[in-house]
Amino acid sequence: MAPMTQSSPDARDTEPHDDSDAPRHETIDLGHITLHTLEWGPVDGPVAVCLHGFPDSAWTWRLLAPELVAAGYRVVAPFTRGYAPSDIPRDKDFHVAALAYDAREIHRAVGAGPDAVLIGHDWGALTVNALSHRSDNPYSAVVAMSVPPIPAIRSAVAEGPGAVRLLARQATMSWYIGFNQLPWLPERSLGWLIPLLWRRWRLRRPGTPRPNYDLDIDRALAALPTREHRTAVLGYYRAMLRPRTDTRYADLSRDWLREPLCRTLYLHGADDGCMQARLTDHVRGVLPHGSATAVIADAGHFLHLDSPEEVNRRIVMFVAGTRGDEQGDTGPASFVD
């Protein structure tokens, strides 16, 4: 694990200090895999399943979870397949289809009801969008952050002035995806690659204090304690070029490329250093009725850590609307330049 770095004087403190916000450590046996989770809130509350991305861990939800609990939810945040202490799957399948299958099975395994919601960031967002396309999606609403639905990305890079420049810039920003395809070298490089990506993807607007992500980086590295875990997590990227999946997940293999059909809240950081905010230009056009979108000012790729008050407010109000609560509304679904 990389050593903790010294916090800057103006860094925002994003770690809660109230012991009541501490999660429970639980396990979920899905039959084909056992996942470890962080859980907050009443065991009999409506369920909010929260899926992290790369390079991150289930701890990324520590600021959102107490707000969902205050709204009555039981929050279930798994370490997704391959991230310790969860299992490395025996089938070694890390396609989005496998992640979507896990998310669907979590709903069943925790006894979630029809009012359950699914929230995802980064790879979690790809998973959310894949399951949202399914007619057998058991979640009443979904929230996706930082990776737009693939049809919206395709429209953004194919239409309008500056599309070639947009695509070229994004290809440069996504260099790490190609690097992660290499054999053995990425496994040996995550100790420096993960801190580098957090630095490049975080909020970096001049004059704006940068959040202190040291603890998040350490927790991301702690979820990859062995070479096998590192290979598993890199398998998410390598599976993008190997579309064949285990037969268990085969019927979900194309859903991540299609439009969401479930009521969706999509959020993106205006200063995202991983996925340009311009890639969200066509998100509204691919979401179903009752959905909402917003680009959050003063936020980078980890927008739920950069601007937690704004992001938490939008998410809580959106899911409250799913339950029919009077306060359920996201306000104007507008983009912030």
Protein backbone atom coordinates (compact mmCIF):
# COMPACT_ATOMS: atom_id res chain seq x y z
CA MET A 1 0.00 0.00 0.00
CA ALA A 2 1.25 3.48 -0.79
CA PRO A 3 2.06 5.67 2.23
CA MET A 4 -0.34 8.38 3.27
CA THR A 5 0.61 11.79 1.96
CA GLN A 6 0.51 15.01 3.92
CA SER A 7 -2.76 16.91 3.58
CA SER A 8 -2.58 20.40 2.13
CA PRO A 9 -3.72 23.24 4.42
CA ASP A 10 -6.75 24.05 2.25
CA ALA A 11 -7.81 20.46 1.60
CA ARG A 12 -11.42 19.70 2.36
CA ASP A 13 -11.96 17.15 5.09
CA THR A 14 -14.27 14.57 3.52
CA GLU A 15 -14.13 11.99 6.31
CA PRO A 16 -17.10 11.88 8.73
CA HIS A 17 -16.41 12.30 12.43
CA ASP A 18 -19.69 10.96 13.85
CA ASP A 19 -19.40 7.34 14.96
CA SER A 20 -23.09 6.91 14.14
CA ASP A 21 -22.07 7.11 10.46
CA ALA A 22 -19.84 4.04 10.80
CA PRO A 23 -21.02 1.16 8.58
CA ARG A 24 -21.65 -2.46 9.44
CA HIS A 25 -19.46 -5.05 7.70
CA GLU A 26 -21.62 -7.77 6.15
CA THR A 27 -21.39 -10.52 3.52
CA ILE A 28 -23.83 -11.50 0.79
CA ASP A 29 -23.79 -15.02 -0.63
CA LEU A 30 -25.05 -14.79 -4.21
CA GLY A 31 -24.47 -18.49 -4.85
CA HIS A 32 -21.93 -17.94 -7.61
CA ILE A 33 -19.89 -15.46 -5.56
CA THR A 34 -19.69 -13.99 -2.05
CA LEU A 35 -19.47 -10.22 -1.78
CA HIS A 36 -18.48 -8.24 1.29
CA THR A 37 -20.43 -5.06 1.91
CA LEU A 38 -20.55 -1.92 3.97
CA GLU A 39 -24.08 -1.28 5.21
CA TRP A 40 -25.76 1.63 6.90
CA GLY A 41 -29.28 2.16 8.18
CA PRO A 42 -32.22 0.05 9.29
CA VAL A 43 -32.22 -3.57 8.19
CA ASP A 44 -35.92 -3.30 7.35
CA GLY A 45 -35.72 -0.06 5.33
CA PRO A 46 -36.09 0.25 1.56
CA VAL A 47 -32.78 -0.72 -0.03
CA ALA A 48 -30.30 1.50 -1.86
CA VAL A 49 -27.52 -0.55 -3.47
CA CYS A 50 -24.42 1.57 -4.23
CA LEU A 51 -21.74 0.36 -6.67
CA HIS A 52 -18.25 1.85 -6.75
CA GLY A 53 -15.91 2.17 -9.70
CA PHE A 54 -12.17 2.14 -10.41
CA PRO A 55 -9.85 2.92 -8.73
CA ASP A 56 -12.06 3.03 -5.66
CA SER A 57 -13.84 0.94 -3.04
CA ALA A 58 -17.15 0.67 -1.22
CA TRP A 59 -15.93 3.37 1.17
CA THR A 60 -16.58 5.97 -1.53
CA TRP A 61 -20.23 6.05 -0.35
CA ARG A 62 -19.45 7.12 3.19
CA LEU A 63 -20.77 10.67 2.64
CA LEU A 64 -23.92 9.75 0.71
CA ALA A 65 -24.93 6.82 2.91
CA PRO A 66 -25.86 8.82 6.06
CA GLU A 67 -28.07 11.09 3.95
CA LEU A 68 -29.88 8.09 2.46
CA VAL A 69 -30.24 6.63 5.96
CA ALA A 70 -31.80 9.89 7.14
CA ALA A 71 -34.32 9.43 4.32
CA GLY A 72 -35.14 5.95 5.67
CA TYR A 73 -32.98 3.78 3.44
CA ARG A 74 -30.86 0.74 4.17
CA VAL A 75 -27.67 1.31 2.20
CA VAL A 76 -25.81 -1.73 0.83
CA ALA A 77 -22.41 -0.92 -0.71
CA PRO A 78 -20.56 -4.02 -1.96
CA PHE A 79 -16.92 -4.34 -2.79
CA THR A 80 -17.58 -5.49 -6.34
CA ARG A 81 -16.19 -8.76 -7.70
CA GLY A 82 -12.43 -8.97 -7.44
CA TYR A 83 -12.05 -6.17 -4.89
CA ALA A 84 -10.99 -7.49 -1.49
CA PRO A 85 -12.48 -8.60 0.77
CA SER A 86 -15.03 -9.78 -1.82
CA ASP A 87 -14.33 -12.96 -3.79
CA ILE A 88 -12.41 -13.23 -7.00
CA PRO A 89 -15.01 -15.09 -9.09
CA ARG A 90 -14.21 -18.64 -10.09
CA ASP A 91 -15.31 -17.92 -13.67
CA LYS A 92 -12.80 -15.00 -13.92
CA ASP A 93 -15.46 -13.02 -15.80
CA PHE A 94 -15.35 -9.24 -15.32
CA HIS A 95 -17.55 -8.11 -18.19
CA VAL A 96 -20.22 -5.47 -17.48
CA ALA A 97 -22.73 -8.27 -17.99
CA ALA A 98 -21.29 -10.10 -14.97
CA LEU A 99 -21.43 -6.91 -12.89
CA ALA A 100 -25.06 -6.35 -13.88
CA TYR A 101 -25.88 -9.96 -13.00
CA ASP A 102 -24.35 -9.43 -9.55
CA ALA A 103 -26.35 -6.23 -9.03
CA ARG A 104 -29.57 -8.01 -9.94
CA GLU A 105 -28.77 -10.89 -7.61
CA ILE A 106 -27.94 -8.53 -4.74
CA HIS A 107 -31.53 -7.28 -4.89
CA ARG A 108 -32.77 -10.83 -4.39
CA ALA A 109 -30.21 -11.81 -1.77
CA VAL A 110 -30.87 -8.87 0.55
CA GLY A 111 -34.64 -9.20 0.28
CA ALA A 112 -35.09 -5.82 -1.38
CA GLY A 113 -38.56 -4.74 -2.40
CA PRO A 114 -39.97 -3.01 -5.48
CA ASP A 115 -38.96 0.37 -4.03
CA ALA A 116 -35.22 -0.43 -4.09
CA VAL A 117 -32.88 1.90 -5.98
CA LEU A 118 -29.51 1.28 -7.62
CA ILE A 119 -26.73 3.90 -7.55
CA GLY A 120 -23.43 3.63 -9.40
CA HIS A 121 -20.28 5.65 -10.07
CA ASP A 122 -17.78 5.01 -12.88
CA TRP A 123 -17.87 1.22 -13.49
CA GLY A 124 -20.88 1.24 -11.19
CA ALA A 125 -22.53 3.66 -13.64
CA LEU A 126 -21.89 1.31 -16.56
CA THR A 127 -23.45 -1.46 -14.49
CA VAL A 128 -26.44 0.71 -13.61
CA ASN A 129 -27.00 1.65 -17.25
CA ALA A 130 -26.79 -1.99 -18.35
CA LEU A 131 -29.33 -3.20 -15.82
CA SER A 132 -31.56 -0.19 -16.48
CA HIS A 133 -32.12 -1.44 -20.03
CA ARG A 134 -33.48 -4.76 -18.83
CA SER A 135 -37.17 -5.58 -18.58
CA ASP A 136 -36.27 -7.75 -15.57
CA ASN A 137 -34.47 -4.92 -13.77
CA PRO A 138 -35.77 -5.22 -10.18
CA TYR A 139 -34.91 -1.63 -9.18
CA SER A 140 -37.53 1.11 -9.31
CA ALA A 141 -35.04 3.85 -10.23
CA VAL A 142 -31.33 4.23 -10.85
CA VAL A 143 -28.68 6.89 -10.37
CA ALA A 144 -25.56 6.93 -12.57
CA MET A 145 -22.55 9.20 -12.21
CA SER A 146 -19.47 10.08 -14.27
CA VAL A 147 -19.95 7.67 -17.20
CA PRO A 148 -22.86 8.57 -19.50
CA PRO A 149 -24.95 5.91 -21.23
CA ILE A 150 -23.04 4.60 -24.25
CA PRO A 151 -25.68 5.80 -26.80
CA ALA A 152 -25.26 9.35 -25.43
CA ILE A 153 -21.47 9.13 -25.78
CA ARG A 154 -21.82 7.88 -29.34
CA SER A 155 -24.07 10.82 -30.22
CA ALA A 156 -21.70 13.31 -28.60
CA VAL A 157 -18.68 12.15 -30.61
CA ALA A 158 -20.60 11.78 -33.86
CA GLU A 159 -22.63 14.98 -34.02
CA GLY A 160 -22.06 18.67 -33.88
CA PRO A 161 -19.06 20.96 -34.35
CA GLY A 162 -15.82 19.95 -32.71
CA ALA A 163 -16.70 16.26 -32.55
CA VAL A 164 -13.29 15.19 -33.87
CA ARG A 165 -11.54 17.39 -31.32
CA LEU A 166 -13.77 16.03 -28.57
CA LEU A 167 -12.97 12.44 -29.50
CA ALA A 168 -9.25 13.15 -29.79
CA ARG A 169 -9.13 14.80 -26.37
CA GLN A 170 -11.08 11.96 -24.79
CA ALA A 171 -8.75 9.40 -26.33
CA THR A 172 -5.83 11.23 -24.71
CA MET A 173 -7.61 11.33 -21.35
CA SER A 174 -8.39 7.61 -21.60
CA TRP A 175 -4.79 6.51 -22.20
CA TYR A 176 -4.90 4.31 -19.09
CA ILE A 177 -7.51 2.03 -20.70
CA GLY A 178 -5.00 1.04 -23.37
CA PHE A 179 -2.25 0.71 -20.77
CA ASN A 180 -4.45 -1.64 -18.73
CA GLN A 181 -4.67 -4.01 -21.71
CA LEU A 182 -0.97 -4.84 -21.48
CA PRO A 183 0.10 -8.12 -19.89
CA TRP A 184 1.65 -8.14 -16.37
CA LEU A 185 2.96 -4.52 -16.44
CA PRO A 186 -0.28 -2.87 -15.19
CA GLU A 187 -0.43 -5.32 -12.26
CA ARG A 188 3.01 -4.08 -11.21
CA SER A 189 2.08 -0.43 -11.77
CA LEU A 190 -1.13 0.10 -9.80
CA GLY A 191 0.84 1.38 -6.80
CA TRP A 192 1.63 4.56 -8.74
CA LEU A 193 -1.16 4.47 -11.33
CA ILE A 194 -4.00 4.68 -8.82
CA PRO A 195 -2.68 7.79 -7.00
CA LEU A 196 -1.92 9.36 -10.40
CA LEU A 197 -5.48 8.84 -11.65
CA TRP A 198 -6.98 10.28 -8.47
CA ARG A 199 -4.80 13.39 -8.87
CA ARG A 200 -5.69 13.83 -12.54
CA TRP A 201 -9.39 13.14 -12.17
CA ARG A 202 -10.10 15.25 -9.12
CA LEU A 203 -11.42 18.78 -9.04
CA ARG A 204 -8.73 21.08 -10.34
CA ARG A 205 -10.38 24.43 -11.11
CA PRO A 206 -7.91 27.26 -10.28
CA GLY A 207 -8.62 28.87 -6.92
CA THR A 208 -10.82 26.00 -5.72
CA PRO A 209 -9.55 23.97 -2.73
CA ARG A 210 -8.84 20.39 -3.71
CA PRO A 211 -10.33 17.65 -1.57
CA ASN A 212 -7.93 15.42 0.34
CA TYR A 213 -8.26 11.96 -1.18
CA ASP A 214 -5.40 10.28 0.67
CA LEU A 215 -7.72 7.99 2.62
CA ASP A 216 -9.67 7.01 -0.51
CA ILE A 217 -6.45 6.17 -2.34
CA ASP A 218 -5.23 4.03 0.56
CA ARG A 219 -8.56 2.19 0.69
CA ALA A 220 -8.51 1.60 -3.06
CA LEU A 221 -5.02 0.12 -2.77
CA ALA A 222 -6.05 -1.94 0.26
CA ALA A 223 -8.78 -3.57 -1.86
CA LEU A 224 -6.02 -4.94 -4.15
CA PRO A 225 -3.75 -6.81 -1.71
CA THR A 226 -2.49 -9.51 -4.08
CA ARG A 227 -1.51 -9.91 -7.71
CA GLU A 228 -4.68 -11.96 -8.21
CA HIS A 229 -6.84 -9.06 -7.01
CA ARG A 230 -4.99 -6.63 -9.25
CA THR A 231 -5.47 -8.90 -12.25
CA ALA A 232 -9.16 -9.22 -11.38
CA VAL A 233 -9.72 -5.47 -11.27
CA LEU A 234 -7.77 -4.90 -14.48
CA GLY A 235 -10.01 -7.59 -15.94
CA TYR A 236 -12.85 -5.06 -16.02
CA TYR A 237 -10.93 -3.17 -18.72
CA ARG A 238 -9.61 -6.22 -20.53
CA ALA A 239 -13.14 -7.63 -20.82
CA MET A 240 -14.12 -4.59 -22.89
CA LEU A 241 -12.13 -6.07 -25.79
CA ARG A 242 -13.32 -9.62 -25.14
CA PRO A 243 -17.09 -9.48 -25.52
CA ARG A 244 -17.62 -13.21 -24.94
CA THR A 245 -18.95 -13.86 -21.44
CA ASP A 246 -19.64 -16.86 -19.25
CA THR A 247 -22.95 -18.50 -20.20
CA ARG A 248 -24.40 -17.34 -16.86
CA TYR A 249 -24.23 -13.73 -18.07
CA ALA A 250 -24.60 -14.15 -21.83
CA ASP A 251 -28.09 -12.68 -22.11
CA LEU A 252 -26.88 -9.42 -20.51
CA SER A 253 -23.81 -8.98 -22.70
CA ARG A 254 -25.18 -6.19 -24.95
CA ASP A 255 -27.36 -4.26 -22.51
CA TRP A 256 -24.62 -1.85 -21.43
CA LEU A 257 -24.50 -0.50 -25.00
CA ARG A 258 -28.21 0.39 -25.09
CA GLU A 259 -30.53 3.10 -23.80
CA PRO A 260 -31.69 3.02 -20.18
CA LEU A 261 -35.39 2.20 -19.84
CA CYS A 262 -35.67 2.76 -16.09
CA ARG A 263 -36.24 6.18 -14.50
CA THR A 264 -32.72 7.61 -14.18
CA LEU A 265 -30.86 10.45 -12.51
CA TYR A 266 -27.58 11.13 -14.30
CA LEU A 267 -24.95 13.38 -12.69
CA HIS A 268 -21.53 14.46 -13.98
CA GLY A 269 -18.78 16.72 -12.66
CA ALA A 270 -18.17 19.85 -14.73
CA ASP A 271 -14.40 19.52 -14.19
CA ASP A 272 -14.19 15.75 -14.67
CA GLY A 273 -10.63 14.82 -15.65
CA CYS A 274 -11.61 11.31 -16.75
CA MET A 275 -14.72 11.83 -18.90
CA GLN A 276 -15.30 15.23 -20.45
CA ALA A 277 -18.51 16.95 -19.40
CA ARG A 278 -19.29 17.56 -23.09
CA LEU A 279 -19.91 13.83 -23.44
CA THR A 280 -23.13 14.43 -21.51
CA ASP A 281 -24.62 16.73 -24.18
CA HIS A 282 -26.99 14.04 -25.45
CA VAL A 283 -27.81 12.27 -22.19
CA ARG A 284 -31.28 13.75 -21.92
CA GLY A 285 -32.18 12.38 -25.31
CA VAL A 286 -31.57 8.75 -24.30
CA LEU A 287 -33.26 8.75 -20.88
CA PRO A 288 -36.89 7.74 -20.31
CA HIS A 289 -39.71 9.93 -19.00
CA GLY A 290 -39.30 10.97 -15.37
CA SER A 291 -35.51 11.09 -15.56
CA ALA A 292 -33.25 14.02 -14.73
CA THR A 293 -29.71 15.10 -15.55
CA ALA A 294 -27.26 17.68 -14.24
CA VAL A 295 -23.63 18.62 -14.60
CA ILE A 296 -22.40 19.68 -11.16
CA ALA A 297 -20.25 22.81 -10.97
CA ASP A 298 -17.02 22.71 -8.97
CA ALA A 299 -16.79 18.91 -9.14
CA GLY A 300 -14.44 16.47 -10.85
CA HIS A 301 -14.77 12.75 -11.58
CA PHE A 302 -15.43 11.94 -7.92
CA LEU A 303 -18.27 14.45 -7.77
CA HIS A 304 -19.93 12.77 -4.79
CA LEU A 305 -16.77 13.56 -2.80
CA ASP A 306 -16.05 16.97 -4.37
CA SER A 307 -19.56 18.43 -3.95
CA PRO A 308 -21.29 16.07 -1.51
CA GLU A 309 -23.99 18.49 -0.37
CA GLU A 310 -25.20 19.19 -3.91
CA VAL A 311 -24.88 15.60 -5.13
CA ASN A 312 -26.45 14.11 -2.00
CA ARG A 313 -29.37 16.54 -2.17
CA ARG A 314 -30.14 15.66 -5.76
CA ILE A 315 -29.89 11.92 -5.16
CA VAL A 316 -32.00 11.91 -1.98
CA MET A 317 -34.71 14.04 -3.56
CA PHE A 318 -34.75 11.86 -6.66
CA VAL A 319 -35.11 8.57 -4.79
CA ALA A 320 -37.68 10.15 -2.46
CA GLY A 321 -39.72 10.89 -5.57
CA THR A 322 -39.45 7.22 -6.51
CA ARG A 323 -41.11 6.34 -3.21
CA GLY A 324 -43.81 8.93 -3.73
CA ASP A 325 -42.65 11.22 -0.92
CA GLU A 326 -43.83 14.80 -1.14
CA GLN A 327 -40.28 16.17 -1.21
CA GLY A 328 -39.31 13.94 -4.13
CA ASP A 329 -38.04 16.24 -6.83
CA THR A 330 -34.66 17.02 -8.32
CA GLY A 331 -35.50 20.57 -9.28
CA PRO A 332 -34.61 21.82 -12.74
CA ALA A 333 -32.88 19.14 -14.78
CA SER A 334 -30.35 21.49 -16.29
CA PHE A 335 -26.68 21.44 -17.17
CA VAL A 336 -24.28 23.73 -15.35
CA ASP A 337 -21.50 25.17 -17.48
